[in-house]
C-alpha atoms as a PDB file:
ATOM      1  CA  MET A   1     -45.138  -1.821  48.863  1.00  0.00           C
ATOM      2  CA  ALA A   2     -45.793  -2.645  45.191  1.00  0.00           C
ATOM      3  CA  SER A   3     -48.438  -1.972  42.555  1.00  0.00           C
ATOM      4  CA  GLN A   4     -49.087  -2.710  38.903  1.00  0.00           C
ATOM      5  CA  SER A   5     -51.638  -1.249  36.494  1.00  0.00           C
ATOM      6  CA  ILE A   6     -53.292  -3.852  34.269  1.00  0.00           C
ATOM      7  CA  LEU A   7     -55.947  -3.399  31.582  1.00  0.00           C
ATOM      8  CA  TRP A   8     -58.732  -5.999  31.455  1.00  0.00           C
ATOM      9  CA  LEU A   9     -60.029  -6.403  27.898  1.00  0.00           C
ATOM     10  CA  HIS A  10     -63.472  -8.003  27.947  1.00  0.00           C
ATOM     11  CA  ALA A  11     -64.702 -10.208  25.129  1.00  0.00           C
ATOM     12  CA  ASP A  12     -67.446  -7.656  24.321  1.00  0.00           C
ATOM     13  CA  GLY A  13     -64.856  -4.949  23.606  1.00  0.00           C
ATOM     14  CA  THR A  14     -65.194  -3.033  26.880  1.00  0.00           C
ATOM     15  CA  GLU A  15     -62.175  -2.344  29.097  1.00  0.00           C
ATOM     16  CA  THR A  16     -61.531  -2.111  32.842  1.00  0.00           C
ATOM     17  CA  MET A  17     -58.438  -0.524  34.377  1.00  0.00           C
ATOM     18  CA  ILE A  18     -57.134  -2.487  37.363  1.00  0.00           C
ATOM     19  CA  ASP A  19     -54.590  -1.406  39.951  1.00  0.00           C
ATOM     20  CA  ALA A  20     -53.134  -4.487  41.650  1.00  0.00           C
ATOM     21  CA  ARG A  21     -51.574  -3.637  45.022  1.00  0.00           C
ATOM     22  CA  ILE A  22     -49.591  -5.609  47.584  1.00  0.00           C
ATOM     23  CA  GLY A  23     -48.926  -3.912  50.932  1.00  0.00           C
ATOM     24  CA  GLU A  24     -46.077  -4.401  53.378  1.00  0.00           C
ATOM     25  CA  PRO A  25     -46.462  -7.445  55.662  1.00  0.00           C
ATOM     26  CA  TYR A  26     -46.948  -6.637  59.343  1.00  0.00           C
ATOM     27  CA  GLN A  27     -46.617  -8.757  62.471  1.00  0.00           C
ATOM     28  CA  VAL A  28     -49.809  -9.828  64.268  1.00  0.00           C
ATOM     29  CA  ASP A  29     -48.232 -11.896  67.055  1.00  0.00           C
ATOM     30  CA  THR A  30     -45.039 -13.829  67.709  1.00  0.00           C
ATOM     31  CA  ARG A  31     -45.494 -16.102  64.691  1.00  0.00           C
ATOM     32  CA  THR A  32     -48.429 -14.769  62.653  1.00  0.00           C
ATOM     33  CA  TRP A  33     -48.027 -12.055  60.011  1.00  0.00           C
ATOM     34  CA  ALA A  34     -50.547 -10.426  57.684  1.00  0.00           C
ATOM     35  CA  CYS A  35     -50.232  -8.771  54.289  1.00  0.00           C
ATOM     36  CA  PRO A  36     -52.631  -6.267  52.642  1.00  0.00           C
ATOM     37  CA  ALA A  37     -53.753  -6.944  49.059  1.00  0.00           C
ATOM     38  CA  ALA A  38     -56.149  -5.201  46.687  1.00  0.00           C
ATOM     39  CA  LEU A  39     -57.438  -5.175  43.115  1.00  0.00           C
ATOM     40  CA  GLU A  40     -58.698  -1.604  42.782  1.00  0.00           C
ATOM     41  CA  GLY A  41     -61.177  -1.199  39.944  1.00  0.00           C
ATOM     42  CA  VAL A  42     -62.781  -4.617  40.445  1.00  0.00           C
ATOM     43  CA  ASP A  43     -62.754  -6.121  43.949  1.00  0.00           C
ATOM     44  CA  GLY A  44     -61.175  -3.335  46.016  1.00  0.00           C
ATOM     45  CA  ARG A  45     -59.155  -4.249  49.100  1.00  0.00           C
ATOM     46  CA  TYR A  46     -59.318  -7.818  50.378  1.00  0.00           C
ATOM     47  CA  PRO A  47     -59.190  -8.689  54.076  1.00  0.00           C
ATOM     48  CA  ASP A  48     -55.509  -8.933  55.017  1.00  0.00           C
ATOM     49  CA  ILE A  49     -53.971 -12.320  54.259  1.00  0.00           C
ATOM     50  CA  PHE A  50     -52.531 -14.182  57.251  1.00  0.00           C
ATOM     51  CA  GLY A  51     -49.411 -16.345  57.082  1.00  0.00           C
ATOM     52  CA  ASP A  52     -47.039 -18.229  59.345  1.00  0.00           C
ATOM     53  CA  GLY A  53     -44.293 -15.610  59.029  1.00  0.00           C
ATOM     54  CA  SER A  54     -43.848 -12.554  56.809  1.00  0.00           C
ATOM     55  CA  MET A  55     -42.667 -14.486  53.738  1.00  0.00           C
ATOM     56  CA  GLN A  56     -45.690 -16.791  53.733  1.00  0.00           C
ATOM     57  CA  ALA A  57     -48.117 -13.889  54.223  1.00  0.00           C
ATOM     58  CA  LEU A  58     -46.513 -12.014  51.312  1.00  0.00           C
ATOM     59  CA  SER A  59     -46.449 -15.123  49.113  1.00  0.00           C
ATOM     60  CA  LEU A  60     -50.114 -15.903  49.805  1.00  0.00           C
ATOM     61  CA  ALA A  61     -51.158 -12.323  49.064  1.00  0.00           C
ATOM     62  CA  MET A  62     -49.300 -12.412  45.746  1.00  0.00           C
ATOM     63  CA  ARG A  63     -50.810 -15.790  44.921  1.00  0.00           C
ATOM     64  CA  LEU A  64     -54.310 -14.491  45.682  1.00  0.00           C
ATOM     65  CA  ILE A  65     -53.850 -11.563  43.279  1.00  0.00           C
ATOM     66  CA  ALA A  66     -52.406 -13.828  40.566  1.00  0.00           C
ATOM     67  CA  THR A  67     -55.232 -16.367  40.980  1.00  0.00           C
ATOM     68  CA  ARG A  68     -57.920 -13.683  40.837  1.00  0.00           C
ATOM     69  CA  LEU A  69     -56.361 -12.205  37.700  1.00  0.00           C
ATOM     70  CA  GLY A  70     -56.282 -15.693  36.250  1.00  0.00           C
ATOM     71  CA  HIS A  71     -60.070 -15.854  36.699  1.00  0.00           C
ATOM     72  CA  MET A  72     -60.347 -12.829  34.420  1.00  0.00           C
ATOM     73  CA  LEU A  73     -58.836 -14.703  31.478  1.00  0.00           C
ATOM     74  CA  GLU A  74     -61.997 -16.775  31.107  1.00  0.00           C
ATOM     75  CA  ASN A  75     -64.425 -16.297  28.208  1.00  0.00           C
ATOM     76  CA  ASN A  76     -61.781 -15.036  25.756  1.00  0.00           C
ATOM     77  CA  ALA A  77     -60.883 -12.002  27.869  1.00  0.00           C
ATOM     78  CA  GLN A  78     -57.341 -10.603  27.941  1.00  0.00           C
ATOM     79  CA  LEU A  79     -55.075  -8.852  30.443  1.00  0.00           C
ATOM     80  CA  VAL A  80     -52.553  -6.406  29.006  1.00  0.00           C
ATOM     81  CA  TYR A  81     -50.183  -3.701  30.192  1.00  0.00           C
ATOM     82  CA  PRO A  82     -51.811  -0.311  29.521  1.00  0.00           C
ATOM     83  CA  GLU A  83     -48.580   1.342  28.353  1.00  0.00           C
ATOM     84  CA  ASP A  84     -48.128  -0.756  25.204  1.00  0.00           C
ATOM     85  CA  ARG A  85     -51.028  -3.262  25.449  1.00  0.00           C
ATOM     86  CA  SER A  86     -48.603  -6.162  25.517  1.00  0.00           C
ATOM     87  CA  PRO A  87     -49.943  -9.348  27.203  1.00  0.00           C
ATOM     88  CA  TRP A  88     -49.700  -9.521  30.969  1.00  0.00           C
ATOM     89  CA  ASN A  89     -47.380 -12.382  31.955  1.00  0.00           C
ATOM     90  CA  GLY A  90     -47.738 -12.439  35.726  1.00  0.00           C
ATOM     91  CA  SER A  91     -44.091 -11.587  36.388  1.00  0.00           C
ATOM     92  CA  THR A  92     -45.085  -8.791  38.787  1.00  0.00           C
ATOM     93  CA  PHE A  93     -46.254 -11.487  41.183  1.00  0.00           C
ATOM     94  CA  GLY A  94     -43.206 -13.715  40.886  1.00  0.00           C
ATOM     95  CA  ALA A  95     -41.546 -14.999  37.736  1.00  0.00           C
ATOM     96  CA  ALA A  96     -42.099 -18.573  38.906  1.00  0.00           C
ATOM     97  CA  ASN A  97     -45.855 -17.990  39.238  1.00  0.00           C
ATOM     98  CA  PRO A  98     -47.317 -16.749  35.934  1.00  0.00           C
ATOM     99  CA  ALA A  99     -51.033 -16.148  35.655  1.00  0.00           C
ATOM    100  CA  PRO A 100     -52.730 -19.489  36.340  1.00  0.00           C
ATOM    101  CA  LYS A 101     -54.764 -21.065  33.597  1.00  0.00           C
ATOM    102  CA  ILE A 102     -58.350 -21.990  34.355  1.00  0.00           C
ATOM    103  CA  ILE A 103     -58.581 -25.747  33.829  1.00  0.00           C
ATOM    104  CA  PRO A 104     -62.065 -27.287  33.816  1.00  0.00           C
ATOM    105  CA  SER A 105     -62.557 -29.973  36.422  1.00  0.00           C
ATOM    106  CA  ARG A 106     -62.103 -33.489  35.072  1.00  0.00           C
ATOM    107  CA  GLY A 107     -63.836 -35.193  37.978  1.00  0.00           C
ATOM    108  CA  ARG A 108     -67.462 -36.032  38.423  1.00  0.00           C
ATOM    109  CA  LEU A 109     -70.098 -33.327  37.971  1.00  0.00           C
ATOM    110  CA  GLY A 110     -70.023 -30.740  40.729  1.00  0.00           C
ATOM    111  CA  MET A 111     -66.435 -31.273  41.874  1.00  0.00           C
ATOM    112  CA  PRO A 112     -64.744 -27.983  42.808  1.00  0.00           C
ATOM    113  CA  ASN A 113     -61.643 -26.724  41.051  1.00  0.00           C
ATOM    114  CA  ARG A 114     -58.544 -25.243  42.704  1.00  0.00           C
ATOM    115  CA  ASN A 115     -59.789 -21.675  42.244  1.00  0.00           C
ATOM    116  CA  ASP A 116     -62.919 -22.549  44.246  1.00  0.00           C
ATOM    117  CA  ILE A 117     -60.714 -23.841  47.061  1.00  0.00           C
ATOM    118  CA  VAL A 118     -58.595 -20.655  47.123  1.00  0.00           C
ATOM    119  CA  LEU A 119     -61.794 -18.580  47.214  1.00  0.00           C
ATOM    120  CA  LEU A 120     -63.252 -20.607  50.094  1.00  0.00           C
ATOM    121  CA  ALA A 121     -59.992 -20.503  52.075  1.00  0.00           C
ATOM    122  CA  THR A 122     -59.765 -16.727  51.719  1.00  0.00           C
ATOM    123  CA  TYR A 123     -63.426 -16.336  52.684  1.00  0.00           C
ATOM    124  CA  ASN A 124     -62.949 -18.614  55.697  1.00  0.00           C
ATOM    125  CA  ALA A 125     -60.019 -16.599  57.074  1.00  0.00           C
ATOM    126  CA  ALA A 126     -61.820 -13.285  56.538  1.00  0.00           C
ATOM    127  CA  MET A 127     -64.997 -14.469  58.265  1.00  0.00           C
ATOM    128  CA  ASN A 128     -63.019 -15.869  61.203  1.00  0.00           C
ATOM    129  CA  THR A 129     -61.264 -12.525  61.614  1.00  0.00           C
ATOM    130  CA  ARG A 130     -64.630 -10.750  61.654  1.00  0.00           C
ATOM    131  CA  LEU A 131     -66.208 -13.324  63.990  1.00  0.00           C
ATOM    132  CA  TYR A 132     -63.436 -13.168  66.592  1.00  0.00           C
ATOM    133  CA  ALA A 133     -63.406  -9.350  66.476  1.00  0.00           C
ATOM    134  CA  ALA A 134     -67.136  -9.379  67.225  1.00  0.00           C
ATOM    135  CA  ALA A 135     -66.695 -11.925  70.032  1.00  0.00           C
ATOM    136  CA  ALA A 136     -63.978  -9.756  71.589  1.00  0.00           C
ATOM    137  CA  THR A 137     -66.618  -7.114  72.391  1.00  0.00           C
ATOM    138  CA  LEU A 138     -68.256  -9.484  74.889  1.00  0.00           C
ATOM    139  CA  SER A 139     -67.195 -10.235  78.444  1.00  0.00           C
ATOM    140  CA  LYS A 140     -65.615 -13.584  79.272  1.00  0.00           C
ATOM    141  CA  GLU A 141     -68.681 -14.409  81.362  1.00  0.00           C
ATOM    142  CA  VAL A 142     -70.921 -14.036  78.293  1.00  0.00           C
ATOM    143  CA  LEU A 143     -68.484 -15.975  76.097  1.00  0.00           C
ATOM    144  CA  LEU A 144     -68.507 -18.939  78.510  1.00  0.00           C
ATOM    145  CA  ALA A 145     -72.232 -18.901  79.334  1.00  0.00           C
ATOM    146  CA  ASP A 146     -74.166 -22.001  78.226  1.00  0.00           C
ATOM    147  CA  ARG A 147     -76.661 -20.688  75.677  1.00  0.00           C
ATOM    148  CA  GLY A 148     -78.173 -23.999  74.636  1.00  0.00           C
ATOM    149  CA  ALA A 149     -76.216 -24.179  71.365  1.00  0.00           C
ATOM    150  CA  PHE A 150     -74.939 -27.496  69.966  1.00  0.00           C
ATOM    151  CA  PHE A 151     -71.697 -26.939  71.875  1.00  0.00           C
ATOM    152  CA  GLY A 152     -73.170 -24.899  74.682  1.00  0.00           C
ATOM    153  CA  SER A 153     -71.465 -21.533  74.706  1.00  0.00           C
ATOM    154  CA  LEU A 154     -70.005 -19.193  72.124  1.00  0.00           C
ATOM    155  CA  ILE A 155     -66.485 -20.181  73.186  1.00  0.00           C
ATOM    156  CA  GLY A 156     -67.519 -23.841  72.959  1.00  0.00           C
ATOM    157  CA  THR A 157     -68.756 -23.286  69.391  1.00  0.00           C
ATOM    158  CA  LEU A 158     -65.529 -21.559  68.356  1.00  0.00           C
ATOM    159  CA  ASN A 159     -63.512 -24.387  69.905  1.00  0.00           C
ATOM    160  CA  HIS A 160     -65.586 -26.956  68.003  1.00  0.00           C
ATOM    161  CA  ILE A 161     -64.747 -25.305  64.665  1.00  0.00           C
ATOM    162  CA  VAL A 162     -61.059 -25.433  65.620  1.00  0.00           C
ATOM    163  CA  ALA A 163     -61.386 -29.098  66.583  1.00  0.00           C
ATOM    164  CA  GLY A 164     -63.131 -30.007  63.324  1.00  0.00           C
ATOM    165  CA  ASP A 165     -60.565 -28.168  61.215  1.00  0.00           C
ATOM    166  CA  THR A 166     -57.701 -29.843  63.081  1.00  0.00           C
ATOM    167  CA  ILE A 167     -59.152 -33.321  62.595  1.00  0.00           C
ATOM    168  CA  TRP A 168     -59.648 -32.822  58.861  1.00  0.00           C
ATOM    169  CA  LEU A 169     -56.343 -31.102  58.187  1.00  0.00           C
ATOM    170  CA  ARG A 170     -54.525 -33.954  59.903  1.00  0.00           C
ATOM    171  CA  ARG A 171     -56.471 -36.425  57.749  1.00  0.00           C
ATOM    172  CA  PHE A 172     -55.531 -34.457  54.635  1.00  0.00           C
ATOM    173  CA  MET A 173     -51.861 -35.081  55.487  1.00  0.00           C
ATOM    174  CA  GLY A 174     -52.492 -38.581  54.143  1.00  0.00           C
ATOM    175  CA  HIS A 175     -53.090 -37.316  50.596  1.00  0.00           C
ATOM    176  CA  PRO A 176     -50.559 -38.767  48.105  1.00  0.00           C
ATOM    177  CA  SER A 177     -49.423 -35.245  47.126  1.00  0.00           C
ATOM    178  CA  ASN A 178     -47.981 -34.712  50.617  1.00  0.00           C
ATOM    179  CA  PHE A 179     -48.782 -30.981  50.641  1.00  0.00           C
ATOM    180  CA  PRO A 180     -45.876 -29.009  52.215  1.00  0.00           C
ATOM    181  CA  ALA A 181     -48.216 -26.566  53.987  1.00  0.00           C
ATOM    182  CA  LEU A 182     -49.822 -29.428  55.938  1.00  0.00           C
ATOM    183  CA  GLN A 183     -46.524 -30.549  57.443  1.00  0.00           C
ATOM    184  CA  ALA A 184     -47.115 -27.979  60.191  1.00  0.00           C
ATOM    185  CA  MET A 185     -50.133 -30.019  61.343  1.00  0.00           C
ATOM    186  CA  ALA A 186     -47.777 -32.717  62.671  1.00  0.00           C
ATOM    187  CA  ALA A 187     -46.930 -30.355  65.549  1.00  0.00           C
ATOM    188  CA  ILE A 188     -50.601 -29.728  66.388  1.00  0.00           C
ATOM    189  CA  PRO A 189     -52.061 -32.546  68.524  1.00  0.00           C
ATOM    190  CA  ALA A 190     -55.291 -34.208  67.470  1.00  0.00           C
ATOM    191  CA  PRO A 191     -58.218 -33.046  69.641  1.00  0.00           C
ATOM    192  CA  ALA A 192     -59.699 -35.499  72.116  1.00  0.00           C
ATOM    193  CA  GLY A 193     -63.082 -35.130  70.395  1.00  0.00           C
ATOM    194  CA  LEU A 194     -65.390 -32.713  68.620  1.00  0.00           C
ATOM    195  CA  ALA A 195     -66.166 -30.932  71.902  1.00  0.00           C
ATOM    196  CA  HIS A 196     -62.484 -30.537  72.767  1.00  0.00           C
ATOM    197  CA  ILE A 197     -61.655 -27.169  74.349  1.00  0.00           C
ATOM    198  CA  HIS A 198     -58.344 -25.862  73.046  1.00  0.00           C
ATOM    199  CA  SER A 199     -58.690 -22.794  75.251  1.00  0.00           C
ATOM    200  CA  ASP A 200     -61.454 -20.890  77.044  1.00  0.00           C
ATOM    201  CA  ASP A 201     -59.456 -17.672  76.599  1.00  0.00           C
ATOM    202  CA  LEU A 202     -60.540 -15.887  73.418  1.00  0.00           C
ATOM    203  CA  GLU A 203     -57.157 -14.257  72.733  1.00  0.00           C
ATOM    204  CA  THR A 204     -55.343 -17.595  73.047  1.00  0.00           C
ATOM    205  CA  LEU A 205     -57.931 -19.284  70.831  1.00  0.00           C
ATOM    206  CA  LEU A 206     -57.628 -16.493  68.255  1.00  0.00           C
ATOM    207  CA  ALA A 207     -53.863 -17.011  67.958  1.00  0.00           C
ATOM    208  CA  HIS A 208     -54.455 -20.720  67.303  1.00  0.00           C
ATOM    209  CA  ARG A 209     -57.278 -19.926  64.859  1.00  0.00           C
ATOM    210  CA  GLN A 210     -54.966 -17.616  62.887  1.00  0.00           C
ATOM    211  CA  ARG A 211     -52.315 -20.321  62.771  1.00  0.00           C
ATOM    212  CA  LEU A 212     -54.815 -22.806  61.327  1.00  0.00           C
ATOM    213  CA  ASP A 213     -56.087 -20.277  58.798  1.00  0.00           C
ATOM    214  CA  ALA A 214     -52.528 -19.558  57.649  1.00  0.00           C
ATOM    215  CA  ILE A 215     -52.058 -23.290  57.064  1.00  0.00           C
ATOM    216  CA  ILE A 216     -55.382 -23.547  55.197  1.00  0.00           C
ATOM    217  CA  ASN A 217     -54.540 -20.548  52.980  1.00  0.00           C
ATOM    218  CA  ALA A 218     -51.107 -21.939  52.119  1.00  0.00           C
ATOM    219  CA  PHE A 219     -52.499 -25.432  51.537  1.00  0.00           C
ATOM    220  CA  ALA A 220     -55.252 -24.085  49.234  1.00  0.00           C
ATOM    221  CA  THR A 221     -52.666 -22.571  46.885  1.00  0.00           C
ATOM    222  CA  GLU A 222     -50.863 -25.924  46.628  1.00  0.00           C
ATOM    223  CA  VAL A 223     -53.919 -27.967  45.600  1.00  0.00           C
ATOM    224  CA  THR A 224     -54.311 -28.819  41.913  1.00  0.00           C
ATOM    225  CA  ASP A 225     -57.361 -30.016  40.007  1.00  0.00           C
ATOM    226  CA  SER A 226     -55.814 -33.475  39.715  1.00  0.00           C
ATOM    227  CA  ASP A 227     -55.363 -33.552  43.521  1.00  0.00           C
ATOM    228  CA  LEU A 228     -59.073 -32.791  43.961  1.00  0.00           C
ATOM    229  CA  ALA A 229     -60.057 -35.707  41.730  1.00  0.00           C
ATOM    230  CA  GLN A 230     -58.151 -38.268  43.801  1.00  0.00           C
ATOM    231  CA  VAL A 231     -59.691 -40.470  46.471  1.00  0.00           C
ATOM    232  CA  LEU A 232     -58.486 -39.964  50.051  1.00  0.00           C
ATOM    233  CA  THR A 233     -58.385 -42.898  52.429  1.00  0.00           C
ATOM    234  CA  TYR A 234     -58.768 -42.038  56.114  1.00  0.00           C
ATOM    235  CA  ARG A 235     -60.165 -43.489  59.330  1.00  0.00           C
ATOM    236  CA  ASN A 236     -62.903 -42.282  61.664  1.00  0.00           C
ATOM    237  CA  SER A 237     -64.771 -43.875  64.567  1.00  0.00           C
ATOM    238  CA  ARG A 238     -66.632 -46.167  62.139  1.00  0.00           C
ATOM    239  CA  GLY A 239     -63.529 -47.480  60.396  1.00  0.00           C
ATOM    240  CA  GLU A 240     -61.838 -46.860  57.057  1.00  0.00           C
ATOM    241  CA  CYS A 241     -63.378 -44.397  54.583  1.00  0.00           C
ATOM    242  CA  ARG A 242     -62.545 -43.615  50.950  1.00  0.00           C
ATOM    243  CA  LYS A 243     -63.975 -40.394  49.541  1.00  0.00           C
ATOM    244  CA  GLN A 244     -63.193 -37.919  46.782  1.00  0.00           C
ATOM    245  CA  PHE A 245     -60.751 -35.333  48.078  1.00  0.00           C
ATOM    246  CA  GLY A 246     -62.473 -32.348  46.435  1.00  0.00           C
ATOM    247  CA  SER A 247     -65.762 -33.252  48.106  1.00  0.00           C
ATOM    248  CA  LEU A 248     -64.032 -33.596  51.484  1.00  0.00           C
ATOM    249  CA  LEU A 249     -62.611 -30.090  51.108  1.00  0.00           C
ATOM    250  CA  LEU A 250     -66.117 -28.798  50.461  1.00  0.00           C
ATOM    251  CA  HIS A 251     -67.196 -30.518  53.681  1.00  0.00           C
ATOM    252  CA  LEU A 252     -64.396 -28.771  55.594  1.00  0.00           C
ATOM    253  CA  PHE A 253     -65.546 -25.325  54.457  1.00  0.00           C
ATOM    254  CA  ASN A 254     -69.256 -26.147  54.789  1.00  0.00           C
ATOM    255  CA  HIS A 255     -68.712 -27.321  58.378  1.00  0.00           C
ATOM    256  CA  GLN A 256     -66.998 -24.033  59.227  1.00  0.00           C
ATOM    257  CA  THR A 257     -69.837 -22.011  57.710  1.00  0.00           C
ATOM    258  CA  HIS A 258     -72.500 -24.063  59.483  1.00  0.00           C
ATOM    259  CA  HIS A 259     -71.070 -23.471  62.944  1.00  0.00           C
ATOM    260  CA  ARG A 260     -70.085 -19.857  62.262  1.00  0.00           C
ATOM    261  CA  GLY A 261     -73.794 -19.374  61.588  1.00  0.00           C
ATOM    262  CA  GLN A 262     -74.536 -20.690  65.073  1.00  0.00           C
ATOM    263  CA  ALA A 263     -71.873 -18.387  66.512  1.00  0.00           C
ATOM    264  CA  THR A 264     -73.293 -15.334  64.733  1.00  0.00           C
ATOM    265  CA  THR A 265     -76.748 -16.185  66.110  1.00  0.00           C
ATOM    266  CA  LEU A 266     -75.334 -16.193  69.649  1.00  0.00           C
ATOM    267  CA  LEU A 267     -73.604 -12.884  68.949  1.00  0.00           C
ATOM    268  CA  SER A 268     -76.807 -11.398  67.551  1.00  0.00           C
ATOM    269  CA  GLN A 269     -78.692 -12.494  70.655  1.00  0.00           C
ATOM    270  CA  SER A 270     -76.083 -10.580  72.660  1.00  0.00           C
ATOM    271  CA  GLY A 271     -76.633  -7.440  70.586  1.00  0.00           C
ATOM    272  CA  VAL A 272     -73.524  -7.785  68.380  1.00  0.00           C
ATOM    273  CA  ASP A 273     -73.934  -7.457  64.604  1.00  0.00           C
ATOM    274  CA  VAL A 274     -71.267  -9.358  62.656  1.00  0.00           C
ATOM    275  CA  GLY A 275     -72.328  -7.822  59.340  1.00  0.00           C
ATOM    276  CA  VAL A 276     -72.646  -9.519  55.951  1.00  0.00           C
ATOM    277  CA  THR A 277     -71.319 -13.080  55.984  1.00  0.00           C
ATOM    278  CA  ASP A 278     -72.498 -14.342  52.588  1.00  0.00           C
ATOM    279  CA  LEU A 279     -69.963 -15.978  50.279  1.00  0.00           C
ATOM    280  CA  LEU A 280     -71.770 -14.060  47.526  1.00  0.00           C
ATOM    281  CA  GLU A 281     -69.846 -10.946  48.585  1.00  0.00           C
ATOM    282  CA  TRP A 282     -66.607 -12.742  47.685  1.00  0.00           C
ATOM    283  CA  ILE A 283     -67.575 -14.109  44.282  1.00  0.00           C
ATOM    284  CA  PRO A 284     -65.930 -11.848  41.650  1.00  0.00           C
ATOM    285  CA  GLU A 285     -67.984  -9.875  39.177  1.00  0.00           C
ATOM    286  CA  HIS A 286     -67.498 -10.708  35.514  1.00  0.00           C
ATOM    287  CA  GLY A 287     -67.941  -8.073  32.844  1.00  0.00           C
END
């Protein structure tokens, strides 16, 4: 659909030629679309980016490319156009979204920054796509069988991740920044509990999973470092809680990873190899 050659000038004097590519969005189901994106020369092709509609999928793919290129401006590196070596200004990915600056976190030690959140959201969606594709190779009988996991079956484990994400995303609606992407959560009912079964049909659950991941991806691009430093007030079964928002986001992604690990164990026991699931594979190389 569109591509742009960019030259990455490293602080040590070496150079890397990058070909940034955005593919044409395609429809996954009645409301979910996906868009291909790649940074050839550094990361290669990313897993397709899901969105709630073609425009959101395209926007998120462009934002991912712009954010990743923004990472490359660290440590006195430069991005230039190879034709005349003039500075790259990010206009290829939308004039309103120039290359983001990397702003050190101003919160307490260890608080994530917005680029960490975008990375984790992208990783989450990609791993869910891989996990559900692996689960689809099993019969419904195997998916529903109680295997002695925390939530019984593989389908029970997948439903628990959906329930946990829904609970937290609805809590995040209470953030003072009133993130536009989270407005869609108002139409998604709160689960009855952590063992709530949204659906025991994998295809139906996948459609809902993709909808949640589209919301998470869009929401991640809206978060700023100042948002992460704020304290979120919310309620759980023990009463009112006040915790740093950035740390709560880390909990959201850590919870997903924890239970995906249980799901991949159940898949492995059924003879299905999910492949590499380490976040390490998603952390960009730096020259």
